[in-house]
């Protein structure tokens, strides 16, 4: 009996334990498709910094004096590469301030042949007298911009205009383009500055109809069709501008939402299509009214 037990134990000891089943590698998450790149339009927000670093155009910050203010207005200026003098376009930033995306959009406008001038309209209002770069978050930038009055904004834009028209490489013609909050300010500036050559509004609300009587410049409006908050102000402006015999050309892009030029990868390609069509219209509009 003892021999049987010993033999059984030895037999058991010689058995190689079964290998545990190997775990299958976890499936890799689907990689996000890279944002479509179109060199003919400004970059999407996530590609703005890289686009600025690759640009061959001359861009620089200048500090502008605003009447009645002690803090200079920090302004980004980009020059086109051309032999002759160029029209100037002032860019009015979104409610997120003078971001990399806004500077990259200015760079694209310079690539298209214009001197692009983009002021930081909250210069001096941030921590320690700074501007957009000094704010701790986007929310803080938004709060600072919401504190700007229309009168203050127009005064600053007039200071930018005065500077821009004196640039030696400028041809004396000037327009303005704005985005989101800046789009609303672009249309508002057209009501306040009779010498403006052209105004482009990207998804910004229209001024109250009584203010439209003072508009002299032709206005181009570019909107995402799925942006009811902004688009609710279009019809009244169309009717009033038509009654006054003034030029206002609004276009709504099907399927596109708010901020389509910055947020190009959203809405199943509709934002990108709107960005491509809208930017081409912008360049054509400025060339028509300000010169090539």
Protein backbone atom coordinates (compact mmCIF):
# COMPACT_ATOMS: atom_id res chain seq x y z
CA UNK A 1 0.00 0.00 0.00
CA UNK A 2 2.87 2.33 0.87
CA UNK A 3 4.57 1.62 -2.46
CA UNK A 4 1.36 2.45 -4.32
CA UNK A 5 1.01 5.79 -2.54
CA UNK A 6 4.66 6.67 -3.23
CA UNK A 7 4.35 5.85 -6.92
CA UNK A 8 1.17 7.92 -7.17
CA UNK A 9 2.82 10.90 -5.51
CA UNK A 10 5.83 10.75 -7.84
CA UNK A 11 3.59 10.53 -10.85
CA UNK A 12 1.70 13.56 -9.69
CA UNK A 13 4.90 15.52 -9.08
CA UNK A 14 6.17 14.84 -12.60
CA UNK A 15 3.14 16.37 -14.24
CA UNK A 16 3.81 19.81 -15.74
CA UNK A 17 1.15 22.28 -14.64
CA UNK A 18 -1.02 23.58 -17.44
CA UNK A 19 -0.12 27.08 -18.70
CA UNK A 20 -2.74 29.69 -17.97
CA UNK A 21 -4.61 30.90 -21.02
CA UNK A 22 -2.91 33.96 -22.48
CA UNK A 23 -5.00 37.12 -22.30
CA UNK A 24 -5.82 38.60 -25.66
CA UNK A 25 -4.43 42.12 -26.13
CA UNK A 26 -7.04 44.78 -25.62
CA UNK A 27 -8.39 46.25 -28.81
CA UNK A 28 -6.86 49.61 -29.56
CA UNK A 29 -9.32 52.48 -29.44
CA UNK A 30 -10.19 53.87 -32.83
CA UNK A 31 -7.80 56.69 -33.60
CA UNK A 32 -9.36 60.06 -34.24
CA UNK A 33 -9.09 61.10 -37.84
CA UNK A 34 -6.72 64.02 -38.30
CA UNK A 35 -8.35 67.32 -39.07
CA UNK A 36 -8.65 68.05 -42.75
CA UNK A 37 -6.11 70.66 -43.81
CA UNK A 38 -6.90 73.21 -46.48
CA UNK A 39 -4.07 75.64 -47.11
CA UNK A 40 -6.51 78.10 -48.70
CA UNK A 41 -8.33 78.85 -45.43
CA UNK A 42 -7.32 79.59 -41.82
CA UNK A 43 -6.41 76.50 -39.79
CA UNK A 44 -8.78 74.86 -37.35
CA UNK A 45 -8.22 75.83 -33.73
CA UNK A 46 -6.09 72.80 -32.85
CA UNK A 47 -3.73 73.46 -35.78
CA UNK A 48 -3.32 77.21 -35.27
CA UNK A 49 -0.11 77.19 -33.25
CA UNK A 50 1.67 74.89 -35.71
CA UNK A 51 0.52 77.05 -38.62
CA UNK A 52 1.98 80.16 -36.99
CA UNK A 53 5.32 78.44 -36.44
CA UNK A 54 5.50 77.42 -40.11
CA UNK A 55 4.49 80.78 -41.54
CA UNK A 56 7.04 82.62 -43.67
CA UNK A 57 5.26 85.97 -43.37
CA UNK A 58 6.43 88.79 -41.12
CA UNK A 59 4.24 89.15 -38.05
CA UNK A 60 4.88 91.42 -35.09
CA UNK A 61 3.24 92.91 -32.02
CA UNK A 62 2.85 96.67 -31.83
CA UNK A 63 1.55 98.78 -28.96
CA UNK A 64 -1.00 101.40 -29.97
CA UNK A 65 -2.03 104.51 -28.10
CA UNK A 66 -5.77 104.84 -27.43
CA UNK A 67 -6.98 108.35 -26.58
CA UNK A 68 -7.87 108.66 -22.90
CA UNK A 69 -6.23 105.36 -21.90
CA UNK A 70 -2.91 104.83 -20.18
CA UNK A 71 -2.38 101.21 -21.24
CA UNK A 72 -1.32 100.50 -24.82
CA UNK A 73 -3.48 98.37 -27.09
CA UNK A 74 -1.42 95.29 -27.94
CA UNK A 75 -1.94 94.48 -31.62
CA UNK A 76 -0.76 91.66 -33.90
CA UNK A 77 0.19 92.81 -37.41
CA UNK A 78 1.01 90.49 -40.32
CA UNK A 79 2.29 91.63 -43.72
CA UNK A 80 1.69 89.99 -47.09
CA UNK A 81 4.59 89.18 -49.37
CA UNK A 82 4.00 91.48 -52.34
CA UNK A 83 5.74 94.30 -54.25
CA UNK A 84 2.94 96.87 -54.19
CA UNK A 85 0.96 98.48 -51.39
CA UNK A 86 -1.84 96.41 -49.89
CA UNK A 87 -5.32 96.98 -48.44
CA UNK A 88 -5.65 96.66 -44.68
CA UNK A 89 -8.14 94.49 -42.80
CA UNK A 90 -8.77 94.79 -39.06
CA UNK A 91 -9.69 91.48 -37.43
CA UNK A 92 -11.96 91.57 -34.39
CA UNK A 93 -11.46 88.52 -32.24
CA UNK A 94 -14.02 86.15 -30.78
CA UNK A 95 -15.12 86.35 -27.18
CA UNK A 96 -12.03 84.24 -26.45
CA UNK A 97 -9.69 87.13 -27.17
CA UNK A 98 -6.50 87.38 -29.22
CA UNK A 99 -5.83 83.64 -29.29
CA UNK A 100 -3.39 81.65 -31.43
CA UNK A 101 -6.32 80.88 -33.72
CA UNK A 102 -7.05 84.56 -34.19
CA UNK A 103 -3.41 85.30 -34.98
CA UNK A 104 -3.29 82.37 -37.42
CA UNK A 105 -6.42 83.69 -39.13
CA UNK A 106 -4.68 87.06 -39.52
CA UNK A 107 -1.70 85.24 -41.02
CA UNK A 108 -3.96 83.57 -43.59
CA UNK A 109 -5.45 86.92 -44.52
CA UNK A 110 -1.93 88.23 -45.09
CA UNK A 111 -1.24 85.18 -47.24
CA UNK A 112 -4.24 86.27 -49.32
CA UNK A 113 -2.64 89.67 -49.93
CA UNK A 114 -3.89 91.95 -47.12
CA UNK A 115 -2.14 93.67 -44.24
CA UNK A 116 -3.85 92.02 -41.28
CA UNK A 117 -4.20 93.95 -38.03
CA UNK A 118 -5.63 92.14 -35.00
CA UNK A 119 -5.91 94.08 -31.71
CA UNK A 120 -6.28 92.52 -28.28
CA UNK A 121 -9.29 94.53 -27.17
CA UNK A 122 -8.88 93.57 -23.50
CA UNK A 123 -5.32 94.90 -23.30
CA UNK A 124 -4.77 96.28 -19.82
CA UNK A 125 -7.83 94.63 -18.34
CA UNK A 126 -6.25 91.33 -17.31
CA UNK A 127 -4.13 90.51 -14.24
CA UNK A 128 -1.27 92.96 -13.69
CA UNK A 129 -2.48 95.08 -16.59
CA UNK A 130 -2.18 92.30 -19.16
CA UNK A 131 -4.50 91.18 -21.91
CA UNK A 132 -5.70 87.84 -23.26
CA UNK A 133 -2.44 86.05 -22.44
CA UNK A 134 -2.61 87.09 -18.80
CA UNK A 135 -6.02 85.56 -18.11
CA UNK A 136 -6.01 82.21 -16.30
CA UNK A 137 -8.74 80.60 -18.41
CA UNK A 138 -11.11 81.08 -21.34
CA UNK A 139 -13.85 81.87 -18.84
CA UNK A 140 -11.78 84.72 -17.46
CA UNK A 141 -11.23 86.07 -20.98
CA UNK A 142 -14.97 85.91 -21.64
CA UNK A 143 -15.69 87.87 -18.45
CA UNK A 144 -13.21 90.58 -19.45
CA UNK A 145 -14.65 90.92 -22.95
CA UNK A 146 -18.21 91.07 -21.63
CA UNK A 147 -17.08 94.06 -19.63
CA UNK A 148 -16.30 96.06 -22.78
CA UNK A 149 -18.90 98.63 -23.77
CA UNK A 150 -19.77 99.24 -27.45
CA UNK A 151 -18.48 102.80 -27.11
CA UNK A 152 -15.15 101.62 -25.70
CA UNK A 153 -14.80 99.02 -28.44
CA UNK A 154 -15.46 101.56 -31.19
CA UNK A 155 -12.92 103.96 -29.68
CA UNK A 156 -10.27 101.23 -29.70
CA UNK A 157 -11.10 100.20 -33.26
CA UNK A 158 -10.81 103.82 -34.37
CA UNK A 159 -7.32 103.93 -32.84
CA UNK A 160 -6.41 100.77 -34.71
CA UNK A 161 -7.79 102.23 -37.93
CA UNK A 162 -5.79 105.44 -37.51
CA UNK A 163 -2.62 103.43 -37.05
CA UNK A 164 -3.35 101.02 -39.91
CA UNK A 165 -3.97 103.70 -42.50
CA UNK A 166 -0.53 105.19 -41.75
CA UNK A 167 1.35 101.94 -42.36
CA UNK A 168 3.76 102.80 -45.21
CA UNK A 169 2.93 99.56 -47.05
CA UNK A 170 -0.83 100.22 -46.93
CA UNK A 171 -2.82 101.49 -49.93
CA UNK A 172 -5.20 103.66 -47.91
CA UNK A 173 -8.21 101.31 -48.07
CA UNK A 174 -9.42 99.46 -45.00
CA UNK A 175 -12.03 96.88 -44.06
CA UNK A 176 -12.98 94.93 -40.97
CA UNK A 177 -13.90 91.31 -40.26
CA UNK A 178 -15.10 89.86 -36.98
CA UNK A 179 -15.97 86.46 -35.56
CA UNK A 180 -18.70 85.53 -33.06
CA UNK A 181 -18.63 88.45 -30.56
CA UNK A 182 -16.26 90.11 -32.99
CA UNK A 183 -18.76 89.55 -35.80
CA UNK A 184 -21.32 91.56 -33.87
CA UNK A 185 -18.70 94.27 -33.31
CA UNK A 186 -17.80 94.25 -37.01
CA UNK A 187 -21.38 95.09 -37.97
CA UNK A 188 -21.58 97.61 -35.13
CA UNK A 189 -18.38 99.28 -36.32
CA UNK A 190 -19.91 99.66 -39.76
CA UNK A 191 -22.64 101.75 -38.12
CA UNK A 192 -20.08 103.91 -36.30
CA UNK A 193 -17.31 104.48 -38.87
CA UNK A 194 -18.60 106.02 -42.14
CA UNK A 195 -15.17 105.84 -43.79
CA UNK A 196 -14.98 102.05 -43.53
CA UNK A 197 -14.45 100.36 -46.89
CA UNK A 198 -16.09 96.98 -46.21
CA UNK A 199 -17.27 94.83 -43.31
CA UNK A 200 -17.54 91.05 -42.98
CA UNK A 201 -19.58 89.44 -40.22
CA UNK A 202 -18.90 85.82 -39.22
CA UNK A 203 -21.83 84.47 -37.17
CA UNK A 204 -22.37 87.69 -35.21
CA UNK A 205 -25.68 89.27 -34.29
CA UNK A 206 -26.96 92.30 -36.22
CA UNK A 207 -27.31 95.78 -34.69
CA UNK A 208 -30.73 97.13 -33.80
CA UNK A 209 -32.39 98.41 -36.96
CA UNK A 210 -32.34 102.16 -36.06
CA UNK A 211 -28.52 102.01 -36.00
CA UNK A 212 -28.34 100.72 -39.57
CA UNK A 213 -29.16 104.15 -41.01
CA UNK A 214 -25.54 105.24 -40.55
CA UNK A 215 -23.96 102.28 -42.36
CA UNK A 216 -21.94 103.34 -45.41
CA UNK A 217 -19.80 100.27 -46.09
CA UNK A 218 -21.06 97.15 -47.87
CA UNK A 219 -21.57 94.28 -45.42
CA UNK A 220 -21.13 90.55 -46.01
CA UNK A 221 -22.68 88.16 -43.47
CA UNK A 222 -21.63 84.50 -43.13
CA UNK A 223 -23.64 82.21 -40.84
CA UNK A 224 -24.11 78.57 -39.92
CA UNK A 225 -27.70 77.56 -40.72
CA UNK A 226 -27.90 75.76 -37.36
CA UNK A 227 -27.31 78.87 -35.27
CA UNK A 228 -30.79 80.16 -34.44
CA UNK A 229 -29.65 82.55 -31.69
CA UNK A 230 -27.62 84.60 -34.16
CA UNK A 231 -29.74 84.03 -37.24
CA UNK A 232 -32.86 85.38 -35.54
CA UNK A 233 -31.37 88.87 -36.04
CA UNK A 234 -30.76 88.56 -39.79
CA UNK A 235 -34.20 89.12 -41.33
CA UNK A 236 -34.82 92.48 -39.67
CA UNK A 237 -31.39 93.69 -40.79
CA UNK A 238 -32.02 92.48 -44.35
CA UNK A 239 -35.34 94.31 -44.54
CA UNK A 240 -33.98 97.54 -43.06
CA UNK A 241 -30.81 97.59 -45.17
CA UNK A 242 -32.88 96.97 -48.29
CA UNK A 243 -35.26 99.78 -47.37
CA UNK A 244 -32.30 102.10 -46.86
CA UNK A 245 -30.72 101.08 -50.16
CA UNK A 246 -27.60 99.71 -48.46
CA UNK A 247 -25.60 96.56 -49.24
CA UNK A 248 -25.98 93.60 -46.87
CA UNK A 249 -25.33 90.14 -48.31
CA UNK A 250 -26.05 87.33 -45.82
CA UNK A 251 -25.36 83.67 -46.57
CA UNK A 252 -26.41 80.70 -44.42
CA UNK A 253 -24.45 77.46 -44.82
CA UNK A 254 -26.57 74.30 -44.53
CA UNK A 255 -25.64 71.97 -41.69
CA UNK A 256 -23.00 74.30 -40.26
CA UNK A 257 -23.10 75.55 -36.69
CA UNK A 258 -21.75 78.52 -34.79
CA UNK A 259 -17.99 79.22 -35.07
CA UNK A 260 -17.62 76.98 -38.12
CA UNK A 261 -14.40 78.66 -39.25
CA UNK A 262 -12.62 77.76 -36.01
CA UNK A 263 -14.37 74.45 -35.35
CA UNK A 264 -13.87 72.91 -38.79
CA UNK A 265 -13.98 69.21 -37.82
CA UNK A 266 -17.49 69.30 -36.34
CA UNK A 267 -20.90 68.53 -37.84
CA UNK A 268 -19.92 65.77 -40.28
CA UNK A 269 -17.99 68.01 -42.64
CA UNK A 270 -20.59 70.78 -42.86
CA UNK A 271 -18.42 73.20 -40.88
CA UNK A 272 -15.41 72.59 -43.11
CA UNK A 273 -17.47 73.17 -46.25
CA UNK A 274 -18.84 76.38 -44.76
CA UNK A 275 -15.31 77.49 -43.83
CA UNK A 276 -14.04 76.85 -47.36
CA UNK A 277 -16.91 78.64 -49.07
CA UNK A 278 -17.10 81.45 -46.52
CA UNK A 279 -13.40 82.26 -46.62
CA UNK A 280 -13.36 82.37 -50.42
CA UNK A 281 -16.31 84.78 -50.28
CA UNK A 282 -14.49 86.89 -47.70
CA UNK A 283 -11.36 87.27 -49.81
CA UNK A 284 -13.38 88.02 -52.95
CA UNK A 285 -15.48 90.61 -51.08
CA UNK A 286 -12.46 92.45 -49.75
CA UNK A 287 -10.70 92.39 -53.11
CA UNK A 288 -13.79 93.82 -54.74
CA UNK A 289 -14.20 96.69 -52.30
CA UNK A 290 -10.65 97.35 -51.11
CA UNK A 291 -8.56 96.34 -54.13
CA UNK A 292 -6.35 93.36 -54.82
